[in-house]
Amino acid sequence: MFISTTDIIPGRNYQIIGLVRGNVAYSKHFGRDIMAGFKNLAGGEIKSYTDMVSEARNIAEERMVQEAQRVGADAVIATRMMNDTVTEATIEVVVYGTAVKFV
């Protein structure tokens, strides 16, 4: 599956199928919170949170790809990603784009 943040694919003709998206709500692990609290005192990157957000983004992107495959898409263009805090301990990541079929 070809995924692009651009609105067009130069040199390719395609038909627009429509919007596809994937999302995940991901919760912090208690152990991560304890270690993050210590890290907040010292400053610097909180690697466990970086890893958590990265994993959540990967899951959301994979879900978008699965939806694109279900509708018969060859590619997803104009892909965007958003994340937000749902509760103090939970983030949501949404990945969306336009599914297209090469002609």
PDB file of N, CA and C in Angstrom:
ATOM      1  N   MET A   1       0.862  -1.182   0.000  1.00  0.00           N
ATOM      2  CA  MET A   1       0.000   0.000   0.000  1.00  0.00           C
ATOM      3  C   MET A   1       0.900   1.234   0.000  1.00  0.00           C
ATOM      4  N   PHE A   2       0.696   2.077  -0.987  1.00  0.00           N
ATOM      5  CA  PHE A   2       1.436   3.328  -1.077  1.00  0.00           C
ATOM      6  C   PHE A   2       0.720   4.366  -0.223  1.00  0.00           C
ATOM      7  N   ILE A   3       1.456   5.025   0.654  1.00  0.00           N
ATOM      8  CA  ILE A   3       0.888   6.051   1.528  1.00  0.00           C
ATOM      9  C   ILE A   3       1.690   7.328   1.332  1.00  0.00           C
ATOM     10  N   SER A   4       0.984   8.436   1.137  1.00  0.00           N
ATOM     11  CA  SER A   4       1.654   9.703   0.889  1.00  0.00           C
ATOM     12  C   SER A   4       0.939  10.840   1.608  1.00  0.00           C
ATOM     13  N   THR A   5       1.712  11.820   2.030  1.00  0.00           N
ATOM     14  CA  THR A   5       1.118  13.017   2.618  1.00  0.00           C
ATOM     15  C   THR A   5       0.777  14.050   1.552  1.00  0.00           C
ATOM     16  N   THR A   6       1.231  13.820   0.318  1.00  0.00           N
ATOM     17  CA  THR A   6       0.922  14.753  -0.770  1.00  0.00           C
ATOM     18  C   THR A   6      -0.499  14.544  -1.266  1.00  0.00           C
ATOM     19  N   ASP A   7      -1.031  15.563  -1.921  1.00  0.00           N
ATOM     20  CA  ASP A   7      -2.401  15.491  -2.431  1.00  0.00           C
ATOM     21  C   ASP A   7      -2.493  14.817  -3.792  1.00  0.00           C
ATOM     22  N   ILE A   8      -1.358  14.637  -4.452  1.00  0.00           N
ATOM     23  CA  ILE A   8      -1.348  13.989  -5.760  1.00  0.00           C
ATOM     24  C   ILE A   8      -0.166  13.028  -5.838  1.00  0.00           C
ATOM     25  N   ILE A   9      -0.244  12.100  -6.785  1.00  0.00           N
ATOM     26  CA  ILE A   9       0.872  11.207  -7.081  1.00  0.00           C
ATOM     27  C   ILE A   9       1.298  11.526  -8.511  1.00  0.00           C
ATOM     28  N   PRO A  10       2.398  12.234  -8.683  1.00  0.00           N
ATOM     29  CA  PRO A  10       2.821  12.627 -10.031  1.00  0.00           C
ATOM     30  C   PRO A  10       2.985  11.412 -10.951  1.00  0.00           C
ATOM     31  N   GLY A  11       2.465  11.547 -12.183  1.00  0.00           N
ATOM     32  CA  GLY A  11       2.617  10.489 -13.166  1.00  0.00           C
ATOM     33  C   GLY A  11       1.662   9.322 -13.024  1.00  0.00           C
ATOM     34  N   ARG A  12       0.773   9.371 -12.082  1.00  0.00           N
ATOM     35  CA  ARG A  12      -0.183   8.261 -11.882  1.00  0.00           C
ATOM     36  C   ARG A  12      -1.609   8.780 -12.072  1.00  0.00           C
ATOM     37  N   ASN A  13      -2.417   7.997 -12.717  1.00  0.00           N
ATOM     38  CA  ASN A  13      -3.843   8.286 -12.829  1.00  0.00           C
ATOM     39  C   ASN A  13      -4.571   7.413 -11.817  1.00  0.00           C
ATOM     40  N   TYR A  14      -5.543   8.003 -11.159  1.00  0.00           N
ATOM     41  CA  TYR A  14      -6.269   7.248 -10.146  1.00  0.00           C
ATOM     42  C   TYR A  14      -7.672   7.794  -9.967  1.00  0.00           C
ATOM     43  N   GLN A  15      -8.490   6.945  -9.414  1.00  0.00           N
ATOM     44  CA  GLN A  15      -9.864   7.300  -9.083  1.00  0.00           C
ATOM     45  C   GLN A  15      -9.962   7.406  -7.571  1.00  0.00           C
ATOM     46  N   ILE A  16     -10.607   8.444  -7.097  1.00  0.00           N
ATOM     47  CA  ILE A  16     -10.782   8.626  -5.654  1.00  0.00           C
ATOM     48  C   ILE A  16     -11.890   7.704  -5.159  1.00  0.00           C
ATOM     49  N   ILE A  17     -11.579   6.944  -4.119  1.00  0.00           N
ATOM     50  CA  ILE A  17     -12.568   6.063  -3.493  1.00  0.00           C
ATOM     51  C   ILE A  17     -13.245   6.793  -2.332  1.00  0.00           C
ATOM     52  N   GLY A  18     -12.447   7.439  -1.490  1.00  0.00           N
ATOM     53  CA  GLY A  18     -13.025   8.182  -0.375  1.00  0.00           C
ATOM     54  C   GLY A  18     -12.133   8.163   0.856  1.00  0.00           C
ATOM     55  N   LEU A  19     -12.663   8.682   1.919  1.00  0.00           N
ATOM     56  CA  LEU A  19     -11.942   8.804   3.187  1.00  0.00           C
ATOM     57  C   LEU A  19     -11.735   7.440   3.836  1.00  0.00           C
ATOM     58  N   VAL A  20     -10.526   7.224   4.334  1.00  0.00           N
ATOM     59  CA  VAL A  20     -10.240   6.053   5.177  1.00  0.00           C
ATOM     60  C   VAL A  20      -9.535   6.558   6.427  1.00  0.00           C
ATOM     61  N   ARG A  21      -9.718   5.846   7.507  1.00  0.00           N
ATOM     62  CA  ARG A  21      -9.088   6.287   8.756  1.00  0.00           C
ATOM     63  C   ARG A  21      -8.824   5.095   9.659  1.00  0.00           C
ATOM     64  N   GLY A  22      -7.943   5.334  10.597  1.00  0.00           N
ATOM     65  CA  GLY A  22      -7.665   4.364  11.643  1.00  0.00           C
ATOM     66  C   GLY A  22      -7.419   5.140  12.920  1.00  0.00           C
ATOM     67  N   ASN A  23      -7.876   4.604  14.013  1.00  0.00           N
ATOM     68  CA  ASN A  23      -7.630   5.288  15.281  1.00  0.00           C
ATOM     69  C   ASN A  23      -7.399   4.279  16.398  1.00  0.00           C
ATOM     70  N   VAL A  24      -6.804   4.776  17.462  1.00  0.00           N
ATOM     71  CA  VAL A  24      -6.584   3.959  18.643  1.00  0.00           C
ATOM     72  C   VAL A  24      -6.564   4.889  19.857  1.00  0.00           C
ATOM     73  N   ALA A  25      -7.160   4.433  20.932  1.00  0.00           N
ATOM     74  CA  ALA A  25      -7.028   5.099  22.229  1.00  0.00           C
ATOM     75  C   ALA A  25      -6.059   4.240  23.030  1.00  0.00           C
ATOM     76  N   TYR A  26      -5.002   4.842  23.504  1.00  0.00           N
ATOM     77  CA  TYR A  26      -3.912   4.100  24.127  1.00  0.00           C
ATOM     78  C   TYR A  26      -3.691   4.633  25.533  1.00  0.00           C
ATOM     79  N   SER A  27      -3.590   3.733  26.491  1.00  0.00           N
ATOM     80  CA  SER A  27      -3.451   4.122  27.890  1.00  0.00           C
ATOM     81  C   SER A  27      -2.023   3.925  28.381  1.00  0.00           C
ATOM     82  N   LYS A  28      -1.628   4.780  29.294  1.00  0.00           N
ATOM     83  CA  LYS A  28      -0.316   4.655  29.921  1.00  0.00           C
ATOM     84  C   LYS A  28      -0.306   3.445  30.861  1.00  0.00           C
ATOM     85  N   HIS A  29       0.834   2.883  31.012  1.00  0.00           N
ATOM     86  CA  HIS A  29       1.039   1.766  31.931  1.00  0.00           C
ATOM     87  C   HIS A  29       1.479   2.339  33.282  1.00  0.00           C
ATOM     88  N   PHE A  30       0.977   1.786  34.365  1.00  0.00           N
ATOM     89  CA  PHE A  30       1.294   2.279  35.705  1.00  0.00           C
ATOM     90  C   PHE A  30       2.803   2.388  35.936  1.00  0.00           C
ATOM     91  N   GLY A  31       3.536   1.381  35.511  1.00  0.00           N
ATOM     92  CA  GLY A  31       4.996   1.397  35.672  1.00  0.00           C
ATOM     93  C   GLY A  31       5.632   2.550  34.916  1.00  0.00           C
ATOM     94  N   ARG A  32       5.096   2.848  33.729  1.00  0.00           N
ATOM     95  CA  ARG A  32       5.606   3.983  32.956  1.00  0.00           C
ATOM     96  C   ARG A  32       5.382   5.285  33.703  1.00  0.00           C
ATOM     97  N   ASP A  33       4.208   5.412  34.337  1.00  0.00           N
ATOM     98  CA  ASP A  33       3.903   6.637  35.069  1.00  0.00           C
ATOM     99  C   ASP A  33       4.879   6.872  36.208  1.00  0.00           C
ATOM    100  N   ILE A  34       5.232   5.829  36.909  1.00  0.00           N
ATOM    101  CA  ILE A  34       6.172   5.961  38.025  1.00  0.00           C
ATOM    102  C   ILE A  34       7.524   6.436  37.508  1.00  0.00           C
ATOM    103  N   MET A  35       8.025   5.775  36.455  1.00  0.00           N
ATOM    104  CA  MET A  35       9.336   6.147  35.901  1.00  0.00           C
ATOM    105  C   MET A  35       9.286   7.550  35.292  1.00  0.00           C
ATOM    106  N   ALA A  36       8.165   7.914  34.673  1.00  0.00           N
ATOM    107  CA  ALA A  36       8.028   9.245  34.085  1.00  0.00           C
ATOM    108  C   ALA A  36       8.062  10.311  35.172  1.00  0.00           C
ATOM    109  N   GLY A  37       7.462  10.008  36.313  1.00  0.00           N
ATOM    110  CA  GLY A  37       7.491  10.954  37.424  1.00  0.00           C
ATOM    111  C   GLY A  37       8.910  11.253  37.869  1.00  0.00           C
ATOM    112  N   PHE A  38       9.748  10.228  37.929  1.00  0.00           N
ATOM    113  CA  PHE A  38      11.156  10.434  38.278  1.00  0.00           C
ATOM    114  C   PHE A  38      11.859  11.251  37.205  1.00  0.00           C
ATOM    115  N   LYS A  39      11.564  10.973  35.947  1.00  0.00           N
ATOM    116  CA  LYS A  39      12.203  11.667  34.842  1.00  0.00           C
ATOM    117  C   LYS A  39      11.787  13.134  34.820  1.00  0.00           C
ATOM    118  N   ASN A  40      10.547  13.421  35.187  1.00  0.00           N
ATOM    119  CA  ASN A  40      10.084  14.810  35.231  1.00  0.00           C
ATOM    120  C   ASN A  40      10.911  15.642  36.186  1.00  0.00           C
ATOM    121  N   LEU A  41      11.387  15.020  37.248  1.00  0.00           N
ATOM    122  CA  LEU A  41      12.218  15.740  38.213  1.00  0.00           C
ATOM    123  C   LEU A  41      13.567  16.119  37.618  1.00  0.00           C
ATOM    124  N   ALA A  42      14.120  15.229  36.822  1.00  0.00           N
ATOM    125  CA  ALA A  42      15.451  15.452  36.250  1.00  0.00           C
ATOM    126  C   ALA A  42      15.403  16.171  34.909  1.00  0.00           C
ATOM    127  N   GLY A  43      14.300  16.056  34.183  1.00  0.00           N
ATOM    128  CA  GLY A  43      14.188  16.649  32.852  1.00  0.00           C
ATOM    129  C   GLY A  43      14.676  15.693  31.783  1.00  0.00           C
ATOM    130  N   GLY A  44      14.343  16.002  30.537  1.00  0.00           N
ATOM    131  CA  GLY A  44      14.773  15.181  29.416  1.00  0.00           C
ATOM    132  C   GLY A  44      13.646  14.352  28.850  1.00  0.00           C
ATOM    133  N   GLU A  45      13.982  13.563  27.836  1.00  0.00           N
ATOM    134  CA  GLU A  45      12.998  12.739  27.152  1.00  0.00           C
ATOM    135  C   GLU A  45      12.500  11.624  28.058  1.00  0.00           C
ATOM    136  N   ILE A  46      11.204  11.395  28.008  1.00  0.00           N
ATOM    137  CA  ILE A  46      10.601  10.275  28.710  1.00  0.00           C
ATOM    138  C   ILE A  46      10.405   9.182  27.670  1.00  0.00           C
ATOM    139  N   LYS A  47      11.416   8.331  27.535  1.00  0.00           N
ATOM    140  CA  LYS A  47      11.472   7.334  26.465  1.00  0.00           C
ATOM    141  C   LYS A  47      10.256   6.416  26.462  1.00  0.00           C
ATOM    142  N   SER A  48       9.772   6.029  27.624  1.00  0.00           N
ATOM    143  CA  SER A  48       8.620   5.115  27.659  1.00  0.00           C
ATOM    144  C   SER A  48       7.389   5.770  27.036  1.00  0.00           C
ATOM    145  N   TYR A  49       7.209   7.072  27.212  1.00  0.00           N
ATOM    146  CA  TYR A  49       6.081   7.769  26.596  1.00  0.00           C
ATOM    147  C   TYR A  49       6.305   7.940  25.102  1.00  0.00           C
ATOM    148  N   THR A  50       7.536   8.227  24.704  1.00  0.00           N
ATOM    149  CA  THR A  50       7.858   8.332  23.281  1.00  0.00           C
ATOM    150  C   THR A  50       7.539   7.014  22.592  1.00  0.00           C
ATOM    151  N   ASP A  51       7.939   5.915  23.192  1.00  0.00           N
ATOM    152  CA  ASP A  51       7.664   4.589  22.639  1.00  0.00           C
ATOM    153  C   ASP A  51       6.163   4.319  22.582  1.00  0.00           C
ATOM    154  N   MET A  52       5.444   4.731  23.622  1.00  0.00           N
ATOM    155  CA  MET A  52       4.003   4.512  23.679  1.00  0.00           C
ATOM    156  C   MET A  52       3.298   5.264  22.551  1.00  0.00           C
ATOM    157  N   VAL A  53       3.658   6.514  22.339  1.00  0.00           N
ATOM    158  CA  VAL A  53       3.029   7.314  21.288  1.00  0.00           C
ATOM    159  C   VAL A  53       3.376   6.747  19.915  1.00  0.00           C
ATOM    160  N   SER A  54       4.617   6.335  19.733  1.00  0.00           N
ATOM    161  CA  SER A  54       5.046   5.745  18.467  1.00  0.00           C
ATOM    162  C   SER A  54       4.255   4.468  18.171  1.00  0.00           C
ATOM    163  N   GLU A  55       4.084   3.634  19.172  1.00  0.00           N
ATOM    164  CA  GLU A  55       3.324   2.395  18.999  1.00  0.00           C
ATOM    165  C   GLU A  55       1.866   2.696  18.656  1.00  0.00           C
ATOM    166  N   ALA A  56       1.282   3.672  19.326  1.00  0.00           N
ATOM    167  CA  ALA A  56      -0.105   4.052  19.049  1.00  0.00           C
ATOM    168  C   ALA A  56      -0.244   4.571  17.616  1.00  0.00           C
ATOM    169  N   ARG A  57       0.714   5.367  17.161  1.00  0.00           N
ATOM    170  CA  ARG A  57       0.673   5.869  15.779  1.00  0.00           C
ATOM    171  C   ARG A  57       0.766   4.723  14.784  1.00  0.00           C
ATOM    172  N   ASN A  58       1.631   3.756  15.052  1.00  0.00           N
ATOM    173  CA  ASN A  58       1.771   2.605  14.156  1.00  0.00           C
ATOM    174  C   ASN A  58       0.478   1.798  14.068  1.00  0.00           C
ATOM    175  N   ILE A  59      -0.186   1.607  15.205  1.00  0.00           N
ATOM    176  CA  ILE A  59      -1.447   0.868  15.228  1.00  0.00           C
ATOM    177  C   ILE A  59      -2.507   1.614  14.427  1.00  0.00           C
ATOM    178  N   ALA A  60      -2.625   2.926  14.642  1.00  0.00           N
ATOM    179  CA  ALA A  60      -3.624   3.725  13.933  1.00  0.00           C
ATOM    180  C   ALA A  60      -3.358   3.712  12.429  1.00  0.00           C
ATOM    181  N   GLU A  61      -2.094   3.815  12.020  1.00  0.00           N
ATOM    182  CA  GLU A  61      -1.767   3.782  10.595  1.00  0.00           C
ATOM    183  C   GLU A  61      -2.108   2.423   9.990  1.00  0.00           C
ATOM    184  N   GLU A  62      -1.794   1.361  10.699  1.00  0.00           N
ATOM    185  CA  GLU A  62      -2.108   0.021  10.198  1.00  0.00           C
ATOM    186  C   GLU A  62      -3.616  -0.164  10.047  1.00  0.00           C
ATOM    187  N   ARG A  63      -4.396   0.382  10.954  1.00  0.00           N
ATOM    188  CA  ARG A  63      -5.853   0.276  10.854  1.00  0.00           C
ATOM    189  C   ARG A  63      -6.375   1.053   9.646  1.00  0.00           C
ATOM    190  N   MET A  64      -5.749   2.208   9.353  1.00  0.00           N
ATOM    191  CA  MET A  64      -6.130   2.964   8.164  1.00  0.00           C
ATOM    192  C   MET A  64      -5.828   2.150   6.908  1.00  0.00           C
ATOM    193  N   VAL A  65      -4.655   1.526   6.862  1.00  0.00           N
ATOM    194  CA  VAL A  65      -4.267   0.703   5.715  1.00  0.00           C
ATOM    195  C   VAL A  65      -5.247  -0.462   5.546  1.00  0.00           C
ATOM    196  N   GLN A  66      -5.630  -1.098   6.638  1.00  0.00           N
ATOM    197  CA  GLN A  66      -6.587  -2.207   6.564  1.00  0.00           C
ATOM    198  C   GLN A  66      -7.925  -1.747   5.989  1.00  0.00           C
ATOM    199  N   GLU A  67      -8.376  -0.563   6.397  1.00  0.00           N
ATOM    200  CA  GLU A  67      -9.630  -0.034   5.854  1.00  0.00           C
ATOM    201  C   GLU A  67      -9.473   0.272   4.366  1.00  0.00           C
ATOM    202  N   ALA A  68      -8.327   0.822   3.973  1.00  0.00           N
ATOM    203  CA  ALA A  68      -8.069   1.107   2.553  1.00  0.00           C
ATOM    204  C   ALA A  68      -8.074  -0.183   1.739  1.00  0.00           C
ATOM    205  N   GLN A  69      -7.485  -1.232   2.263  1.00  0.00           N
ATOM    206  CA  GLN A  69      -7.486  -2.517   1.566  1.00  0.00           C
ATOM    207  C   GLN A  69      -8.899  -3.073   1.432  1.00  0.00           C
ATOM    208  N   ARG A  70      -9.709  -2.906   2.470  1.00  0.00           N
ATOM    209  CA  ARG A  70     -11.099  -3.396   2.435  1.00  0.00           C
ATOM    210  C   ARG A  70     -11.909  -2.734   1.323  1.00  0.00           C
ATOM    211  N   VAL A  71     -11.614  -1.457   1.029  1.00  0.00           N
ATOM    212  CA  VAL A  71     -12.371  -0.752  -0.007  1.00  0.00           C
ATOM    213  C   VAL A  71     -11.703  -0.855  -1.375  1.00  0.00           C
ATOM    214  N   GLY A  72     -10.616  -1.634  -1.473  1.00  0.00           N
ATOM    215  CA  GLY A  72      -9.972  -1.878  -2.757  1.00  0.00           C
ATOM    216  C   GLY A  72      -8.990  -0.818  -3.206  1.00  0.00           C
ATOM    217  N   ALA A  73      -8.463  -0.045  -2.290  1.00  0.00           N
ATOM    218  CA  ALA A  73      -7.531   1.029  -2.644  1.00  0.00           C
ATOM    219  C   ALA A  73      -6.134   0.487  -2.945  1.00  0.00           C
ATOM    220  N   ASP A  74      -5.436   1.198  -3.815  1.00  0.00           N
ATOM    221  CA  ASP A  74      -4.032   0.911  -4.099  1.00  0.00           C
ATOM    222  C   ASP A  74      -3.110   1.847  -3.325  1.00  0.00           C
ATOM    223  N   ALA A  75      -3.664   2.985  -2.899  1.00  0.00           N
ATOM    224  CA  ALA A  75      -2.854   3.987  -2.210  1.00  0.00           C
ATOM    225  C   ALA A  75      -3.752   4.857  -1.336  1.00  0.00           C
ATOM    226  N   VAL A  76      -3.122   5.570  -0.422  1.00  0.00           N
ATOM    227  CA  VAL A  76      -3.810   6.574   0.395  1.00  0.00           C
ATOM    228  C   VAL A  76      -3.004   7.853   0.254  1.00  0.00           C
ATOM    229  N   ILE A  77      -3.666   8.910  -0.227  1.00  0.00           N
ATOM    230  CA  ILE A  77      -2.993  10.200  -0.395  1.00  0.00           C
ATOM    231  C   ILE A  77      -3.546  11.197   0.622  1.00  0.00           C
ATOM    232  N   ALA A  78      -2.885  12.337   0.713  1.00  0.00           N
ATOM    233  CA  ALA A  78      -3.294  13.401   1.633  1.00  0.00           C
ATOM    234  C   ALA A  78      -3.421  12.868   3.065  1.00  0.00           C
ATOM    235  N   THR A  79      -2.511  11.994   3.447  1.00  0.00           N
ATOM    236  CA  THR A  79      -2.563  11.364   4.770  1.00  0.00           C
ATOM    237  C   THR A  79      -2.204  12.376   5.856  1.00  0.00           C
ATOM    238  N   ARG A  80      -2.960  12.355   6.918  1.00  0.00           N
ATOM    239  CA  ARG A  80      -2.731  13.235   8.067  1.00  0.00           C
ATOM    240  C   ARG A  80      -2.809  12.413   9.347  1.00  0.00           C
ATOM    241  N   MET A  81      -2.212  12.953  10.390  1.00  0.00           N
ATOM    242  CA  MET A  81      -2.196  12.272  11.685  1.00  0.00           C
ATOM    243  C   MET A  81      -2.478  13.305  12.776  1.00  0.00           C
ATOM    244  N   MET A  82      -3.327  12.924  13.707  1.00  0.00           N
ATOM    245  CA  MET A  82      -3.636  13.790  14.846  1.00  0.00           C
ATOM    246  C   MET A  82      -3.568  12.953  16.116  1.00  0.00           C
ATOM    247  N   ASN A  83      -3.181  13.587  17.183  1.00  0.00           N
ATOM    248  CA  ASN A  83      -3.285  12.920  18.475  1.00  0.00           C
ATOM    249  C   ASN A  83      -3.748  13.920  19.514  1.00  0.00           C
ATOM    250  N   ASP A  84      -4.448  13.386  20.503  1.00  0.00           N
ATOM    251  CA  ASP A  84      -5.036  14.224  21.532  1.00  0.00           C
ATOM    252  C   ASP A  84      -5.130  13.422  22.818  1.00  0.00           C
ATOM    253  N   THR A  85      -5.270  14.107  23.908  1.00  0.00           N
ATOM    254  CA  THR A  85      -5.447  13.472  25.207  1.00  0.00           C
ATOM    255  C   THR A  85      -6.938  13.254  25.440  1.00  0.00           C
ATOM    256  N   VAL A  86      -7.310  12.012  25.708  1.00  0.00           N
ATOM    257  CA  VAL A  86      -8.703  11.686  25.984  1.00  0.00           C
ATOM    258  C   VAL A  86      -8.973  11.893  27.471  1.00  0.00           C
ATOM    259  N   THR A  87      -8.130  11.322  28.299  1.00  0.00           N
ATOM    260  CA  THR A  87      -8.155  11.540  29.741  1.00  0.00           C
ATOM    261  C   THR A  87      -6.710  11.778  30.152  1.00  0.00           C
ATOM    262  N   GLU A  88      -6.479  11.986  31.402  1.00  0.00           N
ATOM    263  CA  GLU A  88      -5.119  12.226  31.888  1.00  0.00           C
ATOM    264  C   GLU A  88      -4.181  11.071  31.561  1.00  0.00           C
ATOM    265  N   ALA A  89      -4.715   9.868  31.485  1.00  0.00           N
ATOM    266  CA  ALA A  89      -3.869   8.695  31.280  1.00  0.00           C
ATOM    267  C   ALA A  89      -4.025   8.050  29.901  1.00  0.00           C
ATOM    268  N   THR A  90      -4.786   8.694  28.998  1.00  0.00           N
ATOM    269  CA  THR A  90      -5.073   8.067  27.710  1.00  0.00           C
ATOM    270  C   THR A  90      -4.919   9.062  26.570  1.00  0.00           C
ATOM    271  N   ILE A  91      -4.269   8.603  25.491  1.00  0.00           N
ATOM    272  CA  ILE A  91      -4.179   9.417  24.286  1.00  0.00           C
ATOM    273  C   ILE A  91      -4.967   8.732  23.173  1.00  0.00           C
ATOM    274  N   GLU A  92      -5.422   9.529  22.216  1.00  0.00           N
ATOM    275  CA  GLU A  92      -6.024   8.978  21.013  1.00  0.00           C
ATOM    276  C   GLU A  92      -5.194   9.440  19.834  1.00  0.00           C
ATOM    277  N   VAL A  93      -4.934   8.521  18.910  1.00  0.00           N
ATOM    278  CA  VAL A  93      -4.235   8.842  17.675  1.00  0.00           C
ATOM    279  C   VAL A  93      -5.169   8.487  16.524  1.00  0.00           C
ATOM    280  N   VAL A  94      -5.325   9.431  15.598  1.00  0.00           N
ATOM    281  CA  VAL A  94      -6.151   9.222  14.407  1.00  0.00           C
ATOM    282  C   VAL A  94      -5.282   9.470  13.182  1.00  0.00           C
ATOM    283  N   VAL A  95      -5.301   8.537  12.249  1.00  0.00           N
ATOM    284  CA  VAL A  95      -4.611   8.678  10.971  1.00  0.00           C
ATOM    285  C   VAL A  95      -5.680   8.570   9.894  1.00  0.00           C
ATOM    286  N   TYR A  96      -5.695   9.522   8.942  1.00  0.00           N
ATOM    287  CA  TYR A  96      -6.717   9.495   7.909  1.00  0.00           C
ATOM    288  C   TYR A  96      -6.163  10.012   6.590  1.00  0.00           C
ATOM    289  N   GLY A  97      -6.836   9.647   5.521  1.00  0.00           N
ATOM    290  CA  GLY A  97      -6.420  10.090   4.209  1.00  0.00           C
ATOM    291  C   GLY A  97      -7.454   9.718   3.162  1.00  0.00           C
ATOM    292  N   THR A  98      -7.110   9.979   1.913  1.00  0.00           N
ATOM    293  CA  THR A  98      -8.002   9.701   0.796  1.00  0.00           C
ATOM    294  C   THR A  98      -7.541   8.429   0.092  1.00  0.00           C
ATOM    295  N   ALA A  99      -8.411   7.427   0.084  1.00  0.00           N
ATOM    296  CA  ALA A  99      -8.107   6.164  -0.596  1.00  0.00           C
ATOM    297  C   ALA A  99      -8.315   6.351  -2.092  1.00  0.00           C
ATOM    298  N   VAL A 100      -7.351   5.835  -2.880  1.00  0.00           N
ATOM    299  CA  VAL A 100      -7.445   5.933  -4.336  1.00  0.00           C
ATOM    300  C   VAL A 100      -7.140   4.583  -4.982  1.00  0.00           C
ATOM    301  N   LYS A 101      -7.693   4.402  -6.191  1.00  0.00           N
ATOM    302  CA  LYS A 101      -7.471   3.191  -6.988  1.00  0.00           C
ATOM    303  C   LYS A 101      -6.798   3.622  -8.277  1.00  0.00           C
ATOM    304  N   PHE A 102      -5.646   2.999  -8.590  1.00  0.00           N
ATOM    305  CA  PHE A 102      -4.934   3.318  -9.826  1.00  0.00           C
ATOM    306  C   PHE A 102      -5.742   2.851 -11.028  1.00  0.00           C
ATOM    307  N   VAL A 103      -5.771   3.665 -12.093  1.00  0.00           N
ATOM    308  CA  VAL A 103      -6.477   3.289 -13.323  1.00  0.00           C
ATOM    309  C   VAL A 103      -5.505   3.224 -14.477  1.00  0.00           C
TER     310      VAL A 103
END
